[in-house]
N, C-alpha and C. Protein backbone atom coordinates (compact mmCIF):
# COMPACT_ATOMS: atom_id res chain seq x y z
N MET A 1 -36.15 35.84 -1.31
CA MET A 1 -37.25 35.75 -0.88
C MET A 1 -38.17 36.37 -1.44
N VAL A 2 -39.70 36.28 -1.88
CA VAL A 2 -40.03 37.00 -2.21
C VAL A 2 -41.32 37.08 -1.04
N CYS A 3 -41.28 38.41 -0.43
CA CYS A 3 -42.28 38.55 0.16
C CYS A 3 -44.00 38.30 0.00
N VAL A 4 -44.80 38.69 0.98
CA VAL A 4 -45.70 39.47 0.82
C VAL A 4 -46.27 40.43 0.08
N ALA A 5 -46.05 41.60 0.45
CA ALA A 5 -46.28 42.57 -0.31
C ALA A 5 -45.68 42.14 -1.87
N ASP A 6 -44.60 41.96 -1.79
CA ASP A 6 -43.83 41.79 -3.23
C ASP A 6 -44.99 40.97 -3.97
N ARG A 7 -45.55 40.19 -3.14
CA ARG A 7 -46.51 39.12 -3.52
C ARG A 7 -48.05 39.86 -4.72
N GLU A 8 -48.41 40.59 -3.57
CA GLU A 8 -49.53 41.38 -3.94
C GLU A 8 -49.25 42.43 -5.04
N GLU A 9 -48.05 43.10 -5.26
CA GLU A 9 -47.97 43.74 -6.03
C GLU A 9 -47.68 42.84 -7.68
N ILE A 10 -47.24 41.74 -7.39
CA ILE A 10 -47.02 40.87 -8.61
C ILE A 10 -48.81 40.22 -8.64
N SER A 11 -49.55 40.49 -8.42
CA SER A 11 -50.71 39.78 -8.24
C SER A 11 -51.93 41.08 -8.49
N ARG A 12 -51.38 42.04 -8.44
CA ARG A 12 -51.98 43.35 -9.13
C ARG A 12 -51.97 43.30 -10.70
N GLY A 13 -50.51 43.06 -10.62
CA GLY A 13 -49.75 43.87 -11.86
C GLY A 13 -50.14 42.87 -13.12
N LEU A 14 -50.31 41.74 -12.98
CA LEU A 14 -50.62 40.83 -13.57
C LEU A 14 -51.79 41.04 -15.06
N PRO A 15 -53.08 41.13 -13.86
CA PRO A 15 -54.53 41.33 -14.48
C PRO A 15 -54.25 42.25 -15.42
N GLU A 16 -53.68 43.32 -14.92
CA GLU A 16 -53.45 44.61 -15.78
C GLU A 16 -52.92 44.43 -16.37
N GLY A 17 -51.70 43.39 -17.08
CA GLY A 17 -51.29 43.40 -17.85
C GLY A 17 -50.07 43.65 -18.33
N VAL A 18 -49.80 44.58 -16.81
CA VAL A 18 -48.16 45.13 -16.82
C VAL A 18 -47.07 43.56 -16.87
N GLN A 19 -46.27 44.45 -17.78
CA GLN A 19 -44.80 43.37 -18.38
C GLN A 19 -44.26 42.85 -16.91
N LEU A 20 -44.06 41.79 -17.08
CA LEU A 20 -42.72 41.26 -15.54
C LEU A 20 -41.72 42.10 -15.10
N THR A 21 -41.32 43.02 -16.81
CA THR A 21 -39.64 44.20 -15.87
C THR A 21 -40.35 45.45 -15.58
N GLU A 22 -41.42 45.40 -15.53
CA GLU A 22 -42.18 46.73 -15.03
C GLU A 22 -42.20 46.37 -13.44
N ILE A 23 -42.96 45.35 -13.26
CA ILE A 23 -43.52 44.78 -11.93
C ILE A 23 -42.12 44.62 -11.61
N GLU A 24 -41.05 43.77 -11.69
CA GLU A 24 -39.67 43.79 -11.01
C GLU A 24 -39.01 44.78 -10.64
N THR A 25 -39.13 46.01 -11.35
CA THR A 25 -38.74 47.11 -11.21
C THR A 25 -39.39 47.76 -10.22
N ARG A 26 -41.12 47.87 -9.83
CA ARG A 26 -41.53 48.42 -8.96
C ARG A 26 -41.53 47.81 -8.01
N ILE A 27 -41.11 46.04 -7.52
CA ILE A 27 -40.54 45.70 -6.35
C ILE A 27 -39.45 45.61 -6.22
N GLY A 28 -38.30 46.25 -6.94
CA GLY A 28 -36.46 45.75 -6.88
C GLY A 28 -36.23 44.59 -6.55
N ARG A 29 -37.01 43.89 -7.31
CA ARG A 29 -36.40 42.50 -7.92
C ARG A 29 -35.85 42.33 -9.30
N ASP A 30 -34.62 41.07 -9.00
CA ASP A 30 -34.49 40.64 -9.50
C ASP A 30 -35.32 40.30 -11.01
N PRO A 31 -35.01 40.61 -12.06
CA PRO A 31 -36.37 40.04 -13.11
C PRO A 31 -36.52 38.52 -13.26
N SER A 32 -35.36 37.35 -12.68
CA SER A 32 -36.10 36.09 -12.74
C SER A 32 -36.38 35.63 -11.36
N VAL A 33 -36.25 36.46 -10.31
CA VAL A 33 -37.16 36.32 -8.99
C VAL A 33 -38.63 36.24 -9.43
N VAL A 34 -38.74 37.45 -10.33
CA VAL A 34 -40.41 37.71 -10.59
C VAL A 34 -40.43 36.05 -11.68
N SER A 35 -40.26 36.35 -12.72
CA SER A 35 -40.45 35.40 -14.08
C SER A 35 -40.49 33.49 -13.18
N ARG A 36 -40.04 33.38 -12.01
CA ARG A 36 -39.68 32.28 -11.23
C ARG A 36 -41.38 31.84 -10.46
N GLU A 37 -40.95 33.09 -9.96
CA GLU A 37 -42.48 33.13 -9.10
C GLU A 37 -43.42 33.17 -9.81
N VAL A 38 -44.10 33.21 -10.68
CA VAL A 38 -45.26 33.95 -11.28
C VAL A 38 -45.36 32.13 -12.29
N GLY A 39 -43.95 31.78 -12.57
CA GLY A 39 -43.91 30.47 -13.11
C GLY A 39 -44.20 29.37 -11.95
N ARG A 40 -43.84 29.18 -11.21
CA ARG A 40 -44.01 28.24 -10.08
C ARG A 40 -45.48 28.32 -9.16
N HIS A 41 -46.30 29.73 -9.82
CA HIS A 41 -47.55 29.58 -8.62
C HIS A 41 -48.68 29.61 -9.85
N GLY A 42 -48.57 29.35 -10.78
CA GLY A 42 -49.68 29.08 -11.67
C GLY A 42 -49.45 29.90 -13.07
N GLY A 43 -49.06 30.64 -13.17
CA GLY A 43 -48.26 31.67 -14.60
C GLY A 43 -49.16 32.53 -14.70
N ARG A 44 -49.45 33.63 -15.64
CA ARG A 44 -49.41 34.42 -15.52
C ARG A 44 -51.15 34.84 -15.22
N GLY A 45 -51.73 34.11 -15.97
CA GLY A 45 -53.19 33.43 -16.07
C GLY A 45 -53.79 33.22 -14.30
N ALA A 46 -53.45 32.26 -13.67
CA ALA A 46 -53.71 31.91 -12.21
C ALA A 46 -52.96 32.24 -11.49
N TYR A 47 -52.21 33.03 -11.13
CA TYR A 47 -51.11 34.23 -9.98
C TYR A 47 -52.00 34.16 -9.38
N ARG A 48 -52.16 33.77 -7.78
CA ARG A 48 -52.85 34.66 -7.17
C ARG A 48 -51.91 34.67 -5.71
N ALA A 49 -51.34 35.80 -5.02
CA ALA A 49 -50.59 36.51 -3.84
C ALA A 49 -51.06 35.32 -2.45
N HIS A 50 -52.01 35.24 -2.50
CA HIS A 50 -53.09 34.74 -0.99
C HIS A 50 -52.22 32.96 -1.30
N ALA A 51 -52.37 32.15 -2.13
CA ALA A 51 -52.28 30.74 -2.09
C ALA A 51 -50.65 30.56 -2.79
N ALA A 52 -50.44 31.46 -3.38
CA ALA A 52 -48.23 31.66 -3.81
C ALA A 52 -48.27 31.41 -2.37
N GLN A 53 -48.24 32.72 -1.46
CA GLN A 53 -47.82 33.24 -0.03
C GLN A 53 -48.07 31.24 0.70
N GLU A 54 -49.63 31.30 0.79
CA GLU A 54 -49.40 29.75 1.63
C GLU A 54 -48.35 28.37 0.63
N ALA A 55 -48.21 28.02 -0.39
CA ALA A 55 -47.39 27.54 -1.31
C ALA A 55 -46.09 27.40 -0.84
N ALA A 56 -45.57 28.73 -0.53
CA ALA A 56 -44.55 29.25 -0.16
C ALA A 56 -43.77 28.58 1.37
N ALA A 57 -45.15 29.13 2.01
CA ALA A 57 -44.46 28.68 3.69
C ALA A 57 -44.53 27.46 3.61
N LEU A 58 -45.56 26.26 2.75
CA LEU A 58 -45.74 25.25 3.61
C LEU A 58 -44.17 24.07 2.35
N SER A 59 -43.94 25.19 1.47
CA SER A 59 -42.71 24.27 1.21
C SER A 59 -41.42 24.65 2.15
N CYS A 60 -41.76 25.87 3.12
CA CYS A 60 -40.37 25.77 4.12
C CYS A 60 -40.38 25.28 5.47
N GLU A 61 -41.39 24.37 5.52
CA GLU A 61 -41.94 23.76 6.56
C GLU A 61 -40.72 22.83 6.61
N ARG A 62 -40.48 22.69 8.57
CA ARG A 62 -39.35 21.96 8.77
C ARG A 62 -39.92 21.42 10.05
N PRO A 63 -39.52 20.26 10.86
CA PRO A 63 -38.47 19.02 9.32
C PRO A 63 -39.07 18.58 8.32
N LYS A 64 -38.58 18.60 7.36
CA LYS A 64 -38.79 17.63 6.25
C LYS A 64 -38.32 16.53 6.24
N PRO A 65 -38.78 15.22 5.78
CA PRO A 65 -38.58 13.92 6.10
C PRO A 65 -36.96 14.04 4.82
N LEU A 66 -36.08 13.15 5.65
CA LEU A 66 -34.74 13.14 5.48
C LEU A 66 -35.55 12.45 3.15
N ALA A 67 -34.39 12.56 2.81
CA ALA A 67 -34.45 12.08 1.17
C ALA A 67 -34.29 10.67 1.28
N VAL A 68 -33.61 9.94 1.89
CA VAL A 68 -33.76 8.12 2.17
C VAL A 68 -34.84 7.99 2.39
N ASP A 69 -35.85 8.45 3.57
CA ASP A 69 -36.88 7.93 3.83
C ASP A 69 -37.87 8.51 3.17
N ARG A 70 -37.78 9.64 2.00
CA ARG A 70 -38.79 9.85 1.08
C ARG A 70 -39.15 8.77 0.15
N HIS A 71 -38.66 7.45 0.06
CA HIS A 71 -39.19 6.73 -0.67
C HIS A 71 -38.98 4.85 -0.04
N PRO A 72 -39.74 4.09 -0.18
CA PRO A 72 -40.38 3.39 0.64
C PRO A 72 -39.60 1.99 1.09
N ARG A 73 -38.22 1.53 -0.33
CA ARG A 73 -37.49 0.86 -0.13
C ARG A 73 -35.76 1.59 -0.01
N LEU A 74 -36.08 2.79 -0.14
CA LEU A 74 -34.09 3.10 -0.40
C LEU A 74 -33.51 3.09 1.76
N PRO A 75 -34.63 3.17 2.12
CA PRO A 75 -33.67 3.13 3.43
C PRO A 75 -33.03 2.07 3.75
N ALA A 76 -34.38 0.64 3.36
CA ALA A 76 -33.56 -0.76 3.38
C ALA A 76 -31.91 -1.00 2.47
N VAL A 77 -32.38 -0.50 1.27
CA VAL A 77 -31.42 -0.56 0.37
C VAL A 77 -29.76 0.13 0.75
N VAL A 78 -29.99 1.04 1.31
CA VAL A 78 -29.07 2.30 1.90
C VAL A 78 -28.46 1.31 2.91
N HIS A 79 -28.96 0.67 3.95
CA HIS A 79 -28.38 0.29 5.00
C HIS A 79 -27.49 -0.82 4.84
N ARG A 80 -28.55 -1.70 3.57
CA ARG A 80 -27.84 -2.62 3.21
C ARG A 80 -26.83 -2.37 2.32
N MET A 81 -26.25 -1.66 1.80
CA MET A 81 -25.31 -1.24 1.24
C MET A 81 -23.95 -0.66 1.86
N LEU A 82 -24.33 0.03 2.93
CA LEU A 82 -23.46 0.69 4.30
C LEU A 82 -22.81 -0.38 4.95
N VAL A 83 -23.83 -1.04 5.58
CA VAL A 83 -23.35 -2.76 6.19
C VAL A 83 -22.49 -3.55 5.58
N GLY A 84 -22.78 -3.42 4.22
CA GLY A 84 -21.99 -4.42 2.94
C GLY A 84 -20.75 -3.47 2.86
N GLY A 85 -20.21 -1.99 3.48
CA GLY A 85 -18.71 -1.47 3.62
C GLY A 85 -18.82 0.18 2.25
N TRP A 86 -20.55 -0.24 1.77
CA TRP A 86 -20.21 0.81 0.98
C TRP A 86 -20.05 1.88 0.99
N SER A 87 -19.39 3.04 0.83
CA SER A 87 -19.59 4.71 1.17
C SER A 87 -20.71 5.18 0.16
N PRO A 88 -21.12 6.28 0.77
CA PRO A 88 -22.11 7.06 0.84
C PRO A 88 -22.24 7.92 -0.90
N ALA A 89 -21.23 7.83 -1.64
CA ALA A 89 -20.56 8.54 -2.24
C ALA A 89 -21.04 6.59 -3.50
N SER A 90 -20.02 6.23 -3.00
CA SER A 90 -20.49 4.98 -3.87
C SER A 90 -21.50 4.70 -3.67
N ILE A 91 -22.83 4.23 -2.81
CA ILE A 91 -23.79 3.93 -3.03
C ILE A 91 -24.88 5.16 -3.82
N ALA A 92 -24.76 5.91 -3.77
CA ALA A 92 -25.18 7.50 -4.65
C ALA A 92 -24.86 7.18 -6.39
N GLY A 93 -24.04 6.96 -6.40
CA GLY A 93 -23.71 6.02 -7.82
C GLY A 93 -23.70 4.70 -8.68
N ARG A 94 -23.86 3.88 -7.61
CA ARG A 94 -24.30 2.66 -7.79
C ARG A 94 -26.10 2.34 -7.53
N LEU A 95 -26.59 3.57 -7.29
CA LEU A 95 -28.35 3.65 -7.07
C LEU A 95 -28.60 3.36 -8.55
N PRO A 96 -28.41 4.74 -9.43
CA PRO A 96 -28.96 4.70 -10.65
C PRO A 96 -28.59 3.21 -11.78
N ILE A 97 -27.62 2.65 -11.57
CA ILE A 97 -27.16 2.05 -12.30
C ILE A 97 -27.80 0.34 -11.71
N ASP A 98 -28.25 -0.17 -10.43
CA ASP A 98 -29.30 -0.92 -10.47
C ASP A 98 -30.59 -0.71 -10.09
N TYR A 99 -31.05 1.04 -10.44
CA TYR A 99 -32.74 0.95 -10.12
C TYR A 99 -32.70 2.04 -11.27
N PRO A 100 -32.22 1.62 -12.22
CA PRO A 100 -32.60 2.68 -13.59
C PRO A 100 -33.84 3.14 -13.95
N ASP A 101 -35.02 2.79 -13.63
CA ASP A 101 -35.82 3.13 -13.55
C ASP A 101 -37.10 3.84 -13.05
N ASP A 102 -36.62 3.51 -11.78
CA ASP A 102 -36.84 4.30 -10.49
C ASP A 102 -35.91 5.46 -9.49
N HIS A 103 -36.71 7.05 -10.51
CA HIS A 103 -35.71 7.69 -9.67
C HIS A 103 -36.03 8.21 -8.89
N PRO A 104 -36.94 7.84 -8.27
CA PRO A 104 -37.06 7.82 -6.34
C PRO A 104 -36.32 7.51 -5.53
N CYS A 105 -35.82 6.36 -6.21
CA CYS A 105 -34.77 5.50 -5.60
C CYS A 105 -33.95 5.94 -5.78
N ARG A 106 -33.26 7.43 -5.56
CA ARG A 106 -31.84 7.70 -5.97
C ARG A 106 -31.82 8.70 -4.57
N VAL A 107 -30.70 8.75 -4.28
CA VAL A 107 -29.92 9.55 -3.16
C VAL A 107 -28.59 9.88 -2.77
N SER A 108 -28.59 11.41 -2.92
CA SER A 108 -26.68 11.98 -2.71
C SER A 108 -26.09 11.37 -1.51
N HIS A 109 -24.24 11.27 -1.85
CA HIS A 109 -24.07 11.29 -1.08
C HIS A 109 -24.10 11.51 0.44
N GLU A 110 -24.34 13.33 0.33
CA GLU A 110 -24.80 14.35 1.33
C GLU A 110 -25.96 14.13 2.18
N ALA A 111 -27.12 13.36 1.64
CA ALA A 111 -28.36 13.16 1.94
C ALA A 111 -27.87 12.14 2.95
N THR A 112 -27.09 11.18 2.42
CA THR A 112 -26.76 9.29 3.35
C THR A 112 -25.60 10.02 4.49
N TYR A 113 -25.02 10.86 4.58
CA TYR A 113 -24.53 10.69 5.19
C TYR A 113 -25.33 11.67 6.56
N THR A 114 -26.20 12.73 6.06
CA THR A 114 -27.52 13.36 6.96
C THR A 114 -28.24 12.23 7.55
N TRP A 115 -28.50 11.61 6.76
CA TRP A 115 -29.37 10.28 7.14
C TRP A 115 -28.67 8.68 8.55
N VAL A 116 -27.57 8.98 7.99
CA VAL A 116 -26.78 8.45 8.90
C VAL A 116 -26.84 8.78 10.42
């Protein structure tokens, strides 16, 4: 996980034109960590440490809604299939077939077990 000090170093290095490999060396992180951090939070031209820190804090807040509850139709569909004797693994495999164009209307078997 990237800390505030790392984000500040990234934020200082980017406008100076410092290469990501040099920033990675400065903060002692793996090359892919800094690259993903910069890409996730606006890229070289728009990266700001404060905004990146706020976004990271929001993304790790708990509790998050369960995957089944994130789509308005999905709880009823999953419930109906469970009552009908379907296993969570079978439900996970069947949803893409029944709803091929509705990507949010899909859920893993692990998420179904958690929801139940």
